[in-house]
Amino acid sequence: MVLGGTGFVGRHVAAALHARGHAVVIGTRHPKRALKKLPPALRASLHDVELRETHFESLTTRYVWKPLLGDVDVVVNAVGILRERGAETYERVHNMAPAALALACERDGVRLVHVSALGLRPRAYSLFLRSKAAAERAIADTSADYSIVRPSLLEGEGGYAAVWLRRLARWPVHCIPMAARGRFAALDVGDLAEAIVVLCETRGRADWREVELGGSVRRTLAEHLDAIRARPDDHPALRLPVPNLVALAAASLCDLLHLTPYGVPVLELLSRDNLPKANRLRALLGRTPTPVGVNSAASVAAPIGALAR
């Protein structure tokens, strides 16, 4: 079962599992229109999967998960919200529901693959980041057969942030917050999906409890935008540094008005390195990760696996 199976990560995971011959159930808020949200190619590959209605904000105790997991061997949680809406709060969707899901998996012997993120801290300024960190702690406190997957920034067709970054990359001027000095290791969403499939098929391995994933190159935001420009041989964009207070005000406004993926959580993550301590992507894929963007002298660096931060 892939929870959030029509979202950016979930749809690729569901398609990869289906292609591997697994029976897939997609958990989604709106089953009747879920597949219509997908790109044509993914819609065609998932046309025969079961769609099961799930509302994360209501699934905050282990008992309510039982009817949803009765015929499930492995569950992938790819649910996340960028901003709160009504009852869909960070605390309920990012923390309480995954914690209850882990307890239900522990009770019923269901394997859990929980998609989280790099750079989470219990004392982060952003409630978005704190709620995700709390879920990780709750899952780790159970005896369920789980893997917590922490990917870096994702690149691929159909991703909300990926689409915005590609659009921004084409602009002649790149407005870069002065605080955005942190580096990340962007990876292809297809590679993430393939890695998650391997984790779904792997049971009882304590060495796969915490899995950090990233691409082969580390870059700052400015370097990433240069790397994904539609015409890499064109003149480089002009970089315009944005003072920290202005960047924070713009992030707060975007959060308030639900505009663009940019917001306070993103600004907080960009202010420091978000790199895998031990990059497990190559080990899971059994091959070289898919390149993201075009390398330049400024962005090429040592393999992420050699880093320890």
Protein backbone atom coordinates (compact mmCIF):
# COMPACT_ATOMS: atom_id res chain seq x y z
CA MET A 1 0.00 0.00 0.00
CA VAL A 2 1.36 3.38 -1.01
CA LEU A 3 -0.08 6.19 1.10
CA GLY A 4 -0.04 9.44 -0.83
CA GLY A 5 0.19 7.30 -3.94
CA THR A 6 -0.86 10.07 -6.35
CA GLY A 7 1.62 12.61 -4.99
CA PHE A 8 5.01 13.34 -6.51
CA VAL A 9 6.92 10.61 -4.65
CA GLY A 10 4.04 8.20 -4.15
CA ARG A 11 3.04 7.98 -7.81
CA HIS A 12 6.56 6.99 -8.83
CA VAL A 13 6.82 4.46 -6.01
CA ALA A 14 3.46 2.92 -6.92
CA ALA A 15 4.43 2.67 -10.60
CA ALA A 16 7.82 1.13 -9.76
CA LEU A 17 6.23 -1.46 -7.45
CA HIS A 18 3.58 -2.27 -10.05
CA ALA A 19 6.23 -2.67 -12.75
CA ARG A 20 8.09 -5.07 -10.45
CA GLY A 21 5.00 -7.31 -10.31
CA HIS A 22 3.65 -6.36 -6.89
CA ALA A 23 -0.07 -5.94 -6.18
CA VAL A 24 -0.40 -2.24 -5.32
CA VAL A 25 -3.05 -0.37 -3.35
CA ILE A 26 -2.97 3.43 -3.45
CA GLY A 27 -4.15 5.33 -0.40
CA THR A 28 -5.61 8.70 -1.39
CA ARG A 29 -8.06 11.30 -0.11
CA HIS A 30 -10.12 11.33 -3.32
CA PRO A 31 -10.22 7.89 -5.00
CA LYS A 32 -12.76 8.91 -7.66
CA ARG A 33 -10.48 11.51 -9.18
CA ALA A 34 -7.08 10.31 -8.01
CA LEU A 35 -5.78 8.87 -11.28
CA LYS A 36 -6.88 11.95 -13.23
CA LYS A 37 -4.14 13.89 -11.42
CA LEU A 38 -1.42 11.69 -12.86
CA PRO A 39 0.57 12.27 -16.07
CA PRO A 40 -0.72 10.09 -18.94
CA ALA A 41 2.15 7.59 -18.81
CA LEU A 42 1.75 6.94 -15.08
CA ARG A 43 -2.04 6.89 -15.39
CA ALA A 44 -1.77 4.14 -17.98
CA SER A 45 0.59 2.06 -15.84
CA LEU A 46 -1.59 2.36 -12.72
CA HIS A 47 -5.04 2.11 -14.28
CA ASP A 48 -5.78 -1.28 -12.66
CA VAL A 49 -4.58 -0.61 -9.10
CA GLU A 50 -6.98 -0.44 -6.16
CA LEU A 51 -7.69 3.03 -4.78
CA ARG A 52 -8.43 3.12 -1.06
CA GLU A 53 -9.77 6.26 0.63
CA THR A 54 -7.53 7.54 3.42
CA HIS A 55 -7.67 10.79 5.39
CA PHE A 56 -4.48 11.16 7.38
CA GLU A 57 -5.76 13.85 9.70
CA SER A 58 -8.31 11.32 11.02
CA LEU A 59 -5.97 8.32 11.32
CA THR A 60 -4.29 9.29 14.58
CA THR A 61 -4.79 6.09 16.61
CA ARG A 62 -3.52 2.62 15.76
CA TYR A 63 -7.00 1.07 15.90
CA VAL A 64 -8.40 3.05 12.97
CA TRP A 65 -5.61 1.76 10.73
CA LYS A 66 -6.69 -1.88 11.09
CA PRO A 67 -9.35 -1.98 8.32
CA LEU A 68 -6.97 -0.19 5.94
CA LEU A 69 -4.06 -2.58 6.51
CA GLY A 70 -5.92 -5.89 6.77
CA ASP A 71 -4.58 -7.30 3.48
CA VAL A 72 -1.34 -5.32 3.32
CA ASP A 73 2.18 -6.76 3.73
CA VAL A 74 4.14 -3.53 3.27
CA VAL A 75 3.05 0.09 3.56
CA VAL A 76 4.92 3.07 2.14
CA ASN A 77 4.07 6.40 3.74
CA ALA A 78 4.70 9.18 1.22
CA VAL A 79 2.13 11.59 2.67
CA GLY A 80 3.13 15.15 3.42
CA ILE A 81 1.64 18.63 3.40
CA LEU A 82 3.55 21.77 2.51
CA ARG A 83 1.16 23.99 4.47
CA GLU A 84 -1.66 23.46 6.93
CA ARG A 85 -5.31 23.56 5.86
CA GLY A 86 -8.10 23.18 8.40
CA ALA A 87 -7.82 19.83 10.18
CA GLU A 88 -4.81 18.92 8.04
CA THR A 89 -2.21 20.19 10.48
CA TYR A 90 1.48 19.38 10.66
CA GLU A 91 0.98 17.73 14.03
CA ARG A 92 -1.79 15.40 12.83
CA VAL A 93 -0.52 14.61 9.32
CA HIS A 94 3.25 14.57 9.86
CA ASN A 95 3.42 13.25 13.43
CA MET A 96 0.30 11.71 14.97
CA ALA A 97 -0.86 9.69 11.95
CA PRO A 98 2.58 8.19 11.12
CA ALA A 99 3.13 7.39 14.81
CA ALA A 100 -0.22 5.57 14.93
CA LEU A 101 0.59 3.82 11.65
CA ALA A 102 3.88 2.55 13.09
CA LEU A 103 2.06 1.12 16.12
CA ALA A 104 -0.46 -0.57 13.82
CA CYS A 105 2.37 -2.04 11.73
CA GLU A 106 4.08 -3.27 14.90
CA ARG A 107 0.89 -4.99 16.04
CA ASP A 108 0.08 -6.63 12.70
CA GLY A 109 3.58 -7.45 11.44
CA VAL A 110 3.36 -5.06 8.48
CA ARG A 111 6.60 -3.61 7.12
CA LEU A 112 6.72 0.21 7.09
CA VAL A 113 8.78 2.38 4.76
CA HIS A 114 8.39 5.97 5.93
CA VAL A 115 9.51 8.77 3.60
CA SER A 116 10.92 11.63 5.64
CA ALA A 117 13.54 14.26 4.76
CA LEU A 118 17.10 15.30 5.46
CA GLY A 119 17.87 18.18 7.78
CA LEU A 120 15.21 17.61 10.45
CA ARG A 121 15.89 18.88 13.96
CA PRO A 122 13.70 18.62 17.07
CA ARG A 123 14.39 22.28 17.88
CA ALA A 124 13.93 23.64 14.37
CA TYR A 125 12.19 27.00 14.08
CA SER A 126 9.64 25.62 11.61
CA LEU A 127 6.77 23.47 12.92
CA PHE A 128 6.87 21.69 9.56
CA LEU A 129 10.36 20.39 10.34
CA ARG A 130 9.67 19.72 14.04
CA SER A 131 6.59 17.63 13.26
CA LYS A 132 8.51 15.43 10.83
CA ALA A 133 11.32 14.97 13.33
CA ALA A 134 8.78 13.96 16.00
CA ALA A 135 7.34 11.30 13.68
CA GLU A 136 10.78 9.79 13.16
CA ARG A 137 11.28 9.52 16.93
CA ALA A 138 7.86 7.92 17.40
CA ILE A 139 8.50 5.33 14.68
CA ALA A 140 11.94 4.52 16.09
CA ASP A 141 10.38 3.92 19.52
CA THR A 142 8.34 0.99 18.16
CA SER A 143 9.49 -2.54 17.42
CA ALA A 144 7.96 -2.43 13.93
CA ASP A 145 9.97 -3.59 10.92
CA TYR A 146 10.58 -0.10 9.54
CA SER A 147 12.86 1.95 7.31
CA ILE A 148 12.96 5.73 7.61
CA VAL A 149 14.03 7.15 4.25
CA ARG A 150 15.54 10.65 4.17
CA PRO A 151 15.98 11.89 0.61
CA SER A 152 17.64 15.12 -0.42
CA LEU A 153 15.97 17.60 -2.79
CA LEU A 154 14.09 15.76 -5.54
CA GLU A 155 14.21 16.48 -9.25
CA GLY A 156 11.72 15.09 -11.77
CA GLU A 157 8.64 15.76 -13.86
CA GLY A 158 5.55 16.84 -11.94
CA GLY A 159 7.11 17.81 -8.64
CA TYR A 160 5.76 21.07 -7.22
CA ALA A 161 9.15 22.32 -6.06
CA ALA A 162 10.94 20.84 -9.08
CA VAL A 163 8.64 22.67 -11.50
CA TRP A 164 9.18 25.98 -9.70
CA LEU A 165 12.94 25.55 -9.58
CA ARG A 166 13.08 24.73 -13.29
CA ARG A 167 11.03 27.83 -14.05
CA LEU A 168 13.23 29.98 -11.83
CA ALA A 169 16.37 28.53 -13.40
CA ARG A 170 15.32 29.86 -16.82
CA TRP A 171 15.04 33.44 -15.58
CA PRO A 172 17.88 35.82 -16.50
CA VAL A 173 18.20 36.87 -12.85
CA HIS A 174 18.37 34.47 -9.88
CA CYS A 175 17.34 36.01 -6.57
CA ILE A 176 19.30 34.03 -3.98
CA PRO A 177 18.76 34.53 -0.22
CA MET A 178 22.08 35.46 1.36
CA ALA A 179 21.43 32.80 4.00
CA ALA A 180 21.11 30.06 1.34
CA ARG A 181 24.69 28.84 1.68
CA GLY A 182 23.82 25.25 2.55
CA ARG A 183 24.55 22.44 0.13
CA PHE A 184 22.29 19.57 -0.87
CA ALA A 185 22.61 16.56 -3.16
CA ALA A 186 19.60 16.58 -5.47
CA LEU A 187 18.46 13.17 -6.73
CA ASP A 188 16.12 11.96 -9.41
CA VAL A 189 12.66 10.96 -8.14
CA GLY A 190 12.80 7.79 -10.24
CA ASP A 191 15.95 6.73 -8.40
CA LEU A 192 14.21 7.36 -5.08
CA ALA A 193 11.26 5.21 -6.17
CA GLU A 194 13.56 2.39 -7.25
CA ALA A 195 15.41 2.53 -3.92
CA ILE A 196 12.12 2.39 -2.00
CA VAL A 197 11.04 -0.69 -3.97
CA VAL A 198 14.22 -2.46 -2.82
CA LEU A 199 13.48 -1.45 0.78
CA CYS A 200 9.91 -2.78 0.44
CA GLU A 201 11.34 -6.14 -0.56
CA THR A 202 13.87 -6.20 2.28
CA ARG A 203 12.64 -7.37 5.69
CA GLY A 204 14.16 -7.51 9.14
CA ARG A 205 17.38 -5.61 8.37
CA ALA A 206 18.44 -3.36 11.24
CA ASP A 207 21.09 -1.79 8.99
CA TRP A 208 18.31 -0.35 6.81
CA ARG A 209 16.40 1.32 9.67
CA GLU A 210 17.66 4.80 8.72
CA VAL A 211 18.42 5.38 5.05
CA GLU A 212 19.80 8.70 3.80
CA LEU A 213 19.80 9.26 0.05
CA GLY A 214 21.25 11.86 -2.26
CA GLY A 215 22.64 12.36 -5.73
CA SER A 216 26.29 12.28 -6.72
CA VAL A 217 26.98 16.02 -6.62
CA ARG A 218 26.60 18.54 -3.82
CA ARG A 219 25.49 22.06 -4.71
CA THR A 220 24.17 25.25 -3.19
CA LEU A 221 20.84 26.64 -4.39
CA ALA A 222 22.62 29.00 -6.77
CA GLU A 223 24.71 26.17 -8.23
CA HIS A 224 21.64 23.92 -8.56
CA LEU A 225 19.77 26.58 -10.53
CA ASP A 226 22.76 26.93 -12.86
CA ALA A 227 22.86 23.15 -13.30
CA ILE A 228 19.21 22.76 -14.32
CA ARG A 229 18.96 25.72 -16.70
CA ALA A 230 17.10 24.70 -19.85
CA ARG A 231 20.02 25.91 -21.98
CA PRO A 232 23.20 25.25 -20.03
CA ASP A 233 25.38 26.73 -22.79
CA ASP A 234 23.51 30.05 -22.61
CA HIS A 235 24.82 33.03 -20.71
CA PRO A 236 24.77 32.39 -16.94
CA ALA A 237 22.06 34.08 -14.97
CA LEU A 238 22.82 37.15 -12.92
CA ARG A 239 22.80 36.30 -9.21
CA LEU A 240 21.07 38.88 -7.04
CA PRO A 241 21.74 38.43 -3.30
CA VAL A 242 18.61 38.93 -1.18
CA PRO A 243 19.18 40.27 2.38
CA ASN A 244 18.16 37.85 5.10
CA LEU A 245 15.32 39.97 6.50
CA VAL A 246 13.84 40.44 3.03
CA ALA A 247 14.14 36.71 2.31
CA LEU A 248 12.45 35.87 5.62
CA ALA A 249 9.63 38.34 4.99
CA ALA A 250 9.07 36.89 1.52
CA ALA A 251 9.09 33.34 2.91
CA SER A 252 6.55 34.27 5.60
CA LEU A 253 4.32 35.93 3.01
CA CYS A 254 4.45 32.85 0.75
CA ASP A 255 3.46 30.67 3.71
CA LEU A 256 0.61 33.00 4.64
CA LEU A 257 -0.80 33.19 1.10
CA HIS A 258 0.11 29.60 0.11
CA LEU A 259 2.22 30.89 -2.78
CA THR A 260 5.03 28.86 -4.38
CA PRO A 261 6.98 26.12 -2.58
CA TYR A 262 9.23 28.75 -1.02
CA GLY A 263 8.56 29.37 2.67
CA VAL A 264 10.12 29.50 6.11
CA PRO A 265 10.87 25.73 6.26
CA VAL A 266 12.67 25.89 2.92
CA LEU A 267 14.66 28.95 3.96
CA GLU A 268 15.65 27.22 7.19
CA LEU A 269 16.84 24.14 5.31
CA LEU A 270 18.79 26.20 2.78
CA SER A 271 20.71 27.95 5.54
CA ARG A 272 22.77 24.84 6.36
CA ASP A 273 24.10 21.73 4.64
CA ASN A 274 21.58 18.95 4.09
CA LEU A 275 23.76 16.09 2.94
CA PRO A 276 23.54 12.35 3.67
CA LYS A 277 25.94 11.25 6.39
CA ALA A 278 26.24 7.96 4.51
CA ASN A 279 24.65 7.97 1.07
CA ARG A 280 22.96 4.59 0.53
CA LEU A 281 21.54 5.31 -2.94
CA ARG A 282 24.18 3.53 -4.99
CA ALA A 283 23.98 0.47 -2.71
CA LEU A 284 20.22 0.23 -3.18
CA LEU A 285 20.25 0.87 -6.91
CA GLY A 286 23.26 -1.27 -7.72
CA ARG A 287 24.31 1.33 -10.27
CA THR A 288 25.40 4.93 -10.65
CA PRO A 289 22.60 7.38 -9.72
CA THR A 290 20.91 9.33 -12.51
CA PRO A 291 22.68 12.68 -13.04
CA VAL A 292 20.72 15.79 -12.08
CA GLY A 293 21.50 18.87 -14.14
CA VAL A 294 24.74 19.73 -15.89
CA ASN A 295 27.96 19.72 -13.90
CA SER A 296 30.16 22.79 -13.82
CA ALA A 297 33.56 23.38 -12.32
CA ALA A 298 31.91 25.16 -9.40
CA SER A 299 29.51 22.36 -8.56
CA VAL A 300 31.45 19.13 -9.13
CA ALA A 301 32.65 17.72 -5.83
CA ALA A 302 33.66 14.55 -4.05
CA PRO A 303 31.08 11.75 -3.80
CA ILE A 304 28.53 12.38 -1.08
CA GLY A 305 29.29 9.03 0.49
CA ALA A 306 32.63 10.40 1.61
CA LEU A 307 31.03 13.21 3.58
CA ALA A 308 30.26 13.19 7.27
CA ARG A 309 28.40 16.18 8.63
